[in-house]
N, C-alpha and C. Protein backbone atom coordinates (compact mmCIF):
# COMPACT_ATOMS: atom_id res chain seq x y z
N MET A 1 -21.84 30.93 54.48
CA MET A 1 -22.37 31.44 53.23
C MET A 1 -22.25 32.96 53.22
N LYS A 2 -21.75 33.47 52.12
CA LYS A 2 -21.58 34.91 51.98
C LYS A 2 -22.18 35.33 50.66
N PHE A 3 -22.74 36.54 50.63
CA PHE A 3 -23.29 37.04 49.38
C PHE A 3 -23.07 38.54 49.29
N GLN A 4 -23.08 39.03 48.05
CA GLN A 4 -22.99 40.46 47.77
C GLN A 4 -24.05 40.79 46.74
N LEU A 5 -24.56 42.02 46.83
CA LEU A 5 -25.60 42.46 45.92
C LEU A 5 -25.11 43.60 45.06
N LEU A 6 -25.55 43.62 43.82
CA LEU A 6 -25.35 44.74 42.92
C LEU A 6 -26.72 45.37 42.73
N ILE A 7 -26.85 46.64 43.16
CA ILE A 7 -28.14 47.31 43.21
C ILE A 7 -28.14 48.48 42.23
N GLU A 8 -29.23 48.64 41.51
CA GLU A 8 -29.44 49.81 40.65
C GLU A 8 -29.90 50.96 41.54
N GLU A 9 -29.26 52.11 41.41
CA GLU A 9 -29.47 53.21 42.36
C GLU A 9 -30.87 53.84 42.29
N GLN A 10 -31.39 54.07 41.12
CA GLN A 10 -32.63 54.83 41.00
C GLN A 10 -33.83 54.11 41.61
N GLN A 11 -34.06 52.87 41.21
CA GLN A 11 -35.22 52.13 41.68
C GLN A 11 -34.89 51.18 42.82
N GLY A 12 -33.61 50.87 43.02
CA GLY A 12 -33.21 49.95 44.07
C GLY A 12 -33.38 48.50 43.71
N CYS A 13 -33.47 48.18 42.43
CA CYS A 13 -33.63 46.80 41.99
C CYS A 13 -32.31 46.04 42.14
N ILE A 14 -32.40 44.77 42.48
CA ILE A 14 -31.23 43.92 42.59
C ILE A 14 -30.86 43.45 41.19
N LEU A 15 -29.66 43.81 40.73
CA LEU A 15 -29.21 43.45 39.39
C LEU A 15 -28.44 42.13 39.39
N GLU A 16 -27.65 41.89 40.42
CA GLU A 16 -26.80 40.71 40.46
C GLU A 16 -26.60 40.27 41.90
N VAL A 17 -26.49 38.96 42.08
CA VAL A 17 -26.20 38.36 43.38
C VAL A 17 -24.94 37.53 43.22
N ALA A 18 -23.92 37.80 44.03
CA ALA A 18 -22.68 37.02 44.03
C ALA A 18 -22.61 36.27 45.35
N THR A 19 -22.36 34.97 45.29
CA THR A 19 -22.31 34.16 46.51
C THR A 19 -20.99 33.41 46.61
N SER A 20 -20.67 33.03 47.84
CA SER A 20 -19.49 32.22 48.10
C SER A 20 -19.84 31.25 49.21
N ALA A 21 -19.56 29.98 49.00
CA ALA A 21 -19.88 28.95 49.99
C ALA A 21 -18.81 28.86 51.08
N GLU A 22 -17.57 29.17 50.73
CA GLU A 22 -16.50 29.07 51.72
C GLU A 22 -16.17 30.45 52.27
N GLN A 23 -15.26 30.48 53.25
CA GLN A 23 -14.85 31.75 53.80
C GLN A 23 -14.00 32.47 52.76
N GLU A 24 -14.42 33.68 52.45
CA GLU A 24 -13.74 34.45 51.42
C GLU A 24 -13.89 35.92 51.77
N HIS A 25 -12.83 36.67 51.58
CA HIS A 25 -12.88 38.10 51.87
C HIS A 25 -13.81 38.79 50.88
N ASP A 26 -14.47 39.85 51.34
CA ASP A 26 -15.40 40.60 50.49
C ASP A 26 -14.72 41.09 49.22
N LEU A 27 -13.49 41.54 49.35
CA LEU A 27 -12.76 42.08 48.21
C LEU A 27 -12.51 41.00 47.15
N CYS A 28 -12.16 39.79 47.57
CA CYS A 28 -11.92 38.69 46.62
C CYS A 28 -13.20 38.32 45.89
N LEU A 29 -14.31 38.28 46.62
CA LEU A 29 -15.60 37.96 46.00
C LEU A 29 -15.99 39.04 45.00
N ALA A 30 -15.76 40.29 45.36
CA ALA A 30 -16.08 41.40 44.45
C ALA A 30 -15.23 41.35 43.19
N ARG A 31 -13.96 41.01 43.34
CA ARG A 31 -13.08 40.93 42.16
C ARG A 31 -13.51 39.81 41.22
N ARG A 32 -13.98 38.70 41.78
CA ARG A 32 -14.42 37.59 40.94
C ARG A 32 -15.67 37.94 40.14
N HIS A 33 -16.51 38.83 40.66
CA HIS A 33 -17.77 39.15 40.00
C HIS A 33 -17.80 40.58 39.46
N ALA A 34 -16.65 41.21 39.32
CA ALA A 34 -16.59 42.59 38.84
C ALA A 34 -16.98 42.73 37.38
N HIS A 35 -16.90 41.65 36.61
CA HIS A 35 -17.23 41.73 35.18
C HIS A 35 -18.73 41.97 34.96
N HIS A 36 -19.56 41.86 35.99
CA HIS A 36 -20.99 42.11 35.86
C HIS A 36 -21.33 43.60 35.91
N LEU A 37 -20.36 44.43 36.27
CA LEU A 37 -20.62 45.87 36.35
C LEU A 37 -20.66 46.47 34.94
N PRO A 38 -21.69 47.25 34.63
CA PRO A 38 -21.75 47.90 33.32
C PRO A 38 -20.64 48.95 33.17
N ALA A 39 -20.14 49.12 31.97
CA ALA A 39 -19.10 50.12 31.72
C ALA A 39 -19.65 51.52 31.99
N GLY A 40 -18.84 52.34 32.63
CA GLY A 40 -19.23 53.71 32.94
C GLY A 40 -20.05 53.85 34.21
N SER A 41 -20.24 52.77 34.94
CA SER A 41 -21.04 52.85 36.16
C SER A 41 -20.18 53.31 37.33
N VAL A 42 -20.86 53.71 38.41
CA VAL A 42 -20.20 54.13 39.64
C VAL A 42 -20.51 53.09 40.69
N CYS A 43 -19.48 52.57 41.32
CA CYS A 43 -19.63 51.53 42.33
C CYS A 43 -19.34 52.14 43.70
N ALA A 44 -20.35 52.23 44.57
CA ALA A 44 -20.19 52.79 45.91
C ALA A 44 -19.93 51.64 46.88
N VAL A 45 -18.78 51.64 47.52
CA VAL A 45 -18.38 50.56 48.42
C VAL A 45 -17.99 51.14 49.78
N ASP A 46 -17.78 50.24 50.76
CA ASP A 46 -17.30 50.69 52.06
C ASP A 46 -15.79 50.47 52.14
N LEU A 47 -15.23 50.73 53.32
CA LEU A 47 -13.77 50.68 53.46
C LEU A 47 -13.22 49.26 53.45
N GLY A 48 -14.07 48.24 53.42
CA GLY A 48 -13.60 46.87 53.30
C GLY A 48 -13.12 46.54 51.89
N TYR A 49 -13.32 47.45 50.96
CA TYR A 49 -12.96 47.22 49.57
C TYR A 49 -11.81 48.12 49.12
N VAL A 50 -10.92 48.49 50.03
CA VAL A 50 -9.78 49.32 49.67
C VAL A 50 -8.93 48.57 48.66
N GLY A 51 -8.62 49.20 47.55
CA GLY A 51 -7.85 48.57 46.49
C GLY A 51 -8.69 47.96 45.39
N PHE A 52 -10.01 48.04 45.51
CA PHE A 52 -10.90 47.48 44.50
C PHE A 52 -10.93 48.40 43.29
N ARG A 53 -10.57 47.87 42.14
CA ARG A 53 -10.57 48.62 40.88
C ARG A 53 -11.31 47.80 39.83
N VAL A 54 -12.07 48.50 39.00
CA VAL A 54 -12.79 47.86 37.91
C VAL A 54 -12.53 48.66 36.65
N GLU A 55 -12.14 47.97 35.60
CA GLU A 55 -11.87 48.65 34.33
C GLU A 55 -13.16 49.22 33.76
N GLY A 56 -13.15 50.50 33.43
CA GLY A 56 -14.31 51.15 32.83
C GLY A 56 -15.34 51.66 33.83
N CYS A 57 -15.10 51.47 35.12
CA CYS A 57 -16.03 51.93 36.16
C CYS A 57 -15.25 52.73 37.20
N SER A 58 -15.96 53.62 37.87
CA SER A 58 -15.31 54.36 38.96
C SER A 58 -15.81 53.82 40.29
N VAL A 59 -14.88 53.60 41.20
CA VAL A 59 -15.18 53.06 42.52
C VAL A 59 -15.10 54.22 43.52
N VAL A 60 -16.17 54.41 44.28
CA VAL A 60 -16.26 55.50 45.24
C VAL A 60 -16.36 54.90 46.64
N MET A 61 -15.48 55.36 47.54
CA MET A 61 -15.56 54.89 48.92
C MET A 61 -15.45 56.08 49.87
N PRO A 62 -15.95 55.92 51.09
CA PRO A 62 -15.94 57.04 52.03
C PRO A 62 -14.53 57.38 52.49
N PHE A 63 -14.38 58.60 53.01
CA PHE A 63 -13.12 59.04 53.57
C PHE A 63 -12.98 58.46 54.97
N LYS A 64 -11.77 58.07 55.31
CA LYS A 64 -11.49 57.56 56.64
C LYS A 64 -10.99 58.70 57.51
N LYS A 65 -11.44 58.71 58.76
CA LYS A 65 -11.05 59.76 59.69
C LYS A 65 -9.56 59.62 60.03
N PRO A 66 -8.78 60.70 59.85
CA PRO A 66 -7.36 60.64 60.19
C PRO A 66 -7.16 60.48 61.70
N LEU A 67 -6.09 59.86 62.07
CA LEU A 67 -5.79 59.62 63.47
C LEU A 67 -5.58 60.95 64.21
N GLY A 68 -6.36 61.18 65.24
CA GLY A 68 -6.21 62.39 66.06
C GLY A 68 -6.81 63.66 65.48
N ARG A 69 -7.44 63.56 64.34
CA ARG A 69 -8.06 64.74 63.73
C ARG A 69 -9.46 64.40 63.27
N ASP A 70 -10.22 65.44 62.94
CA ASP A 70 -11.55 65.26 62.39
C ASP A 70 -11.49 65.36 60.87
N LEU A 71 -12.52 64.84 60.24
CA LEU A 71 -12.63 65.00 58.80
C LEU A 71 -12.93 66.44 58.45
N GLU A 72 -12.53 66.84 57.28
CA GLU A 72 -12.88 68.17 56.76
C GLU A 72 -14.39 68.20 56.52
N PRO A 73 -15.02 69.37 56.60
CA PRO A 73 -16.47 69.45 56.36
C PRO A 73 -16.90 68.91 55.00
N GLU A 74 -16.08 69.12 53.97
CA GLU A 74 -16.41 68.60 52.64
C GLU A 74 -16.38 67.08 52.62
N GLN A 75 -15.41 66.50 53.34
CA GLN A 75 -15.31 65.05 53.41
C GLN A 75 -16.49 64.46 54.19
N MET A 76 -16.90 65.13 55.26
CA MET A 76 -18.05 64.66 56.04
C MET A 76 -19.32 64.70 55.19
N GLU A 77 -19.47 65.77 54.43
CA GLU A 77 -20.65 65.90 53.56
C GLU A 77 -20.64 64.82 52.48
N PHE A 78 -19.47 64.54 51.92
CA PHE A 78 -19.35 63.49 50.91
C PHE A 78 -19.72 62.13 51.51
N ASN A 79 -19.22 61.84 52.72
CA ASN A 79 -19.54 60.57 53.38
C ASN A 79 -21.03 60.43 53.65
N GLN A 80 -21.69 61.53 54.01
CA GLN A 80 -23.13 61.49 54.26
C GLN A 80 -23.90 61.24 52.98
N ARG A 81 -23.48 61.88 51.88
CA ARG A 81 -24.16 61.65 50.60
C ARG A 81 -23.95 60.21 50.13
N LEU A 82 -22.76 59.69 50.34
CA LEU A 82 -22.47 58.31 49.96
C LEU A 82 -23.27 57.33 50.82
N ALA A 83 -23.45 57.64 52.09
CA ALA A 83 -24.22 56.77 52.98
C ALA A 83 -25.69 56.73 52.55
N LYS A 84 -26.20 57.82 52.02
CA LYS A 84 -27.59 57.84 51.53
C LYS A 84 -27.76 56.92 50.33
N VAL A 85 -26.72 56.77 49.54
CA VAL A 85 -26.77 55.85 48.40
C VAL A 85 -26.62 54.41 48.89
N ARG A 86 -25.67 54.18 49.79
CA ARG A 86 -25.39 52.82 50.26
C ARG A 86 -26.50 52.25 51.14
N VAL A 87 -27.32 53.09 51.72
CA VAL A 87 -28.40 52.59 52.58
C VAL A 87 -29.43 51.81 51.76
N LYS A 88 -29.52 52.07 50.48
CA LYS A 88 -30.44 51.32 49.62
C LYS A 88 -30.07 49.85 49.57
N VAL A 89 -28.77 49.57 49.61
CA VAL A 89 -28.32 48.18 49.64
C VAL A 89 -28.76 47.52 50.95
N GLU A 90 -28.62 48.25 52.05
CA GLU A 90 -29.04 47.71 53.34
C GLU A 90 -30.54 47.44 53.36
N HIS A 91 -31.32 48.27 52.71
CA HIS A 91 -32.76 48.04 52.64
C HIS A 91 -33.08 46.79 51.82
N ARG A 92 -32.32 46.55 50.76
CA ARG A 92 -32.56 45.35 49.96
C ARG A 92 -32.15 44.09 50.73
N ILE A 93 -31.07 44.17 51.50
CA ILE A 93 -30.67 43.03 52.33
C ILE A 93 -31.76 42.74 53.35
N ARG A 94 -32.35 43.76 53.92
CA ARG A 94 -33.46 43.58 54.86
C ARG A 94 -34.64 42.92 54.17
N ALA A 95 -34.92 43.34 52.94
CA ALA A 95 -36.03 42.74 52.20
C ALA A 95 -35.76 41.26 51.93
N LEU A 96 -34.51 40.89 51.70
CA LEU A 96 -34.17 39.48 51.51
C LEU A 96 -34.32 38.70 52.82
N LYS A 97 -34.00 39.35 53.93
CA LYS A 97 -34.08 38.68 55.23
C LYS A 97 -35.52 38.41 55.66
N ILE A 98 -36.47 39.09 55.07
CA ILE A 98 -37.87 38.82 55.35
C ILE A 98 -38.19 37.36 55.03
N PHE A 99 -37.54 36.83 54.00
CA PHE A 99 -37.78 35.45 53.57
C PHE A 99 -37.02 34.43 54.43
N ARG A 100 -36.29 34.87 55.43
CA ARG A 100 -35.64 34.06 56.45
C ARG A 100 -34.54 33.14 55.93
N ILE A 101 -34.17 33.23 54.67
CA ILE A 101 -33.07 32.41 54.18
C ILE A 101 -31.74 32.94 54.69
N LEU A 102 -31.67 34.23 54.98
CA LEU A 102 -30.42 34.84 55.40
C LEU A 102 -30.37 35.14 56.89
N LYS A 103 -31.47 35.01 57.60
CA LYS A 103 -31.51 35.37 59.01
C LYS A 103 -30.74 34.40 59.88
N GLY A 104 -30.99 33.14 59.71
CA GLY A 104 -30.39 32.15 60.59
C GLY A 104 -29.44 31.24 59.83
N VAL A 105 -29.33 30.03 60.33
CA VAL A 105 -28.48 29.03 59.70
C VAL A 105 -29.21 28.46 58.49
N TYR A 106 -28.53 28.47 57.34
CA TYR A 106 -29.11 27.89 56.13
C TYR A 106 -28.95 26.38 56.22
N ARG A 107 -30.07 25.65 56.21
CA ARG A 107 -30.03 24.21 56.40
C ARG A 107 -30.24 23.43 55.11
N GLY A 108 -30.34 24.12 54.01
CA GLY A 108 -30.53 23.43 52.73
C GLY A 108 -29.20 23.03 52.11
N ARG A 109 -29.26 22.52 50.90
CA ARG A 109 -28.05 22.14 50.18
C ARG A 109 -27.29 23.39 49.75
N ARG A 110 -25.99 23.33 49.90
CA ARG A 110 -25.18 24.50 49.54
C ARG A 110 -25.25 24.79 48.05
N GLN A 111 -25.40 23.75 47.24
CA GLN A 111 -25.46 23.96 45.79
C GLN A 111 -26.72 24.73 45.41
N ARG A 112 -27.76 24.65 46.21
CA ARG A 112 -29.03 25.30 45.89
C ARG A 112 -29.16 26.70 46.50
N PHE A 113 -28.20 27.11 47.34
CA PHE A 113 -28.30 28.40 48.02
C PHE A 113 -28.36 29.56 47.03
N GLU A 114 -27.44 29.55 46.06
CA GLU A 114 -27.40 30.66 45.10
C GLU A 114 -28.69 30.72 44.28
N LEU A 115 -29.21 29.58 43.86
CA LEU A 115 -30.45 29.55 43.10
C LEU A 115 -31.60 30.13 43.94
N ARG A 116 -31.71 29.69 45.18
CA ARG A 116 -32.78 30.19 46.04
C ARG A 116 -32.63 31.67 46.31
N LEU A 117 -31.40 32.13 46.52
CA LEU A 117 -31.16 33.55 46.76
C LEU A 117 -31.55 34.37 45.53
N ARG A 118 -31.24 33.88 44.34
CA ARG A 118 -31.62 34.59 43.11
C ARG A 118 -33.14 34.63 42.94
N LEU A 119 -33.81 33.55 43.28
CA LEU A 119 -35.27 33.54 43.19
C LEU A 119 -35.89 34.53 44.17
N ILE A 120 -35.35 34.58 45.37
CA ILE A 120 -35.86 35.53 46.36
C ILE A 120 -35.56 36.96 45.92
N ALA A 121 -34.39 37.18 45.32
CA ALA A 121 -34.06 38.51 44.79
C ALA A 121 -35.05 38.92 43.70
N ALA A 122 -35.45 37.97 42.86
CA ALA A 122 -36.45 38.26 41.83
C ALA A 122 -37.80 38.61 42.47
N LEU A 123 -38.16 37.92 43.54
CA LEU A 123 -39.40 38.26 44.25
C LEU A 123 -39.33 39.65 44.87
N VAL A 124 -38.19 39.99 45.44
CA VAL A 124 -38.01 41.33 46.02
C VAL A 124 -38.11 42.38 44.93
N ASN A 125 -37.49 42.14 43.78
CA ASN A 125 -37.60 43.08 42.66
C ASN A 125 -39.06 43.23 42.22
N ARG A 126 -39.78 42.14 42.23
CA ARG A 126 -41.21 42.17 41.85
C ARG A 126 -42.01 43.00 42.86
N MET A 127 -41.68 42.85 44.15
CA MET A 127 -42.36 43.64 45.19
C MET A 127 -42.06 45.13 45.03
N ILE A 128 -40.83 45.47 44.64
CA ILE A 128 -40.45 46.86 44.46
C ILE A 128 -41.19 47.45 43.25
N GLY A 129 -41.23 46.67 42.18
CA GLY A 129 -41.82 47.14 40.93
C GLY A 129 -43.33 47.31 40.98
N GLY A 130 -43.96 46.78 41.96
CA GLY A 130 -45.41 46.95 42.07
C GLY A 130 -46.06 45.67 41.96
């Protein structure tokens, strides 16, 4: 089971959950669910999404260190700022793991996994909102 989250940057609310029951590359899953991105939004991704493009949105990914050289100071600063944004997603994944559906082996029906994950995401959003 694989899932991806779409997170709102300011409050950290989970906007969308994309799941896949079979083995699927992150990039393929993201392309299938790219239509959920609002027009004019900025999508911060990691280097596993090289080549990911969305019409009407800008995709931002970190700079990769060149072979045998260091990153330029501006590139390092950009990567650090991007990591501060992307860490919010990691915090939301941790909040989902509190409910133990994602920690171990999921033993329920595969058809119900996405529904349960969406319900838990709604609970996490409720916890964030107060």
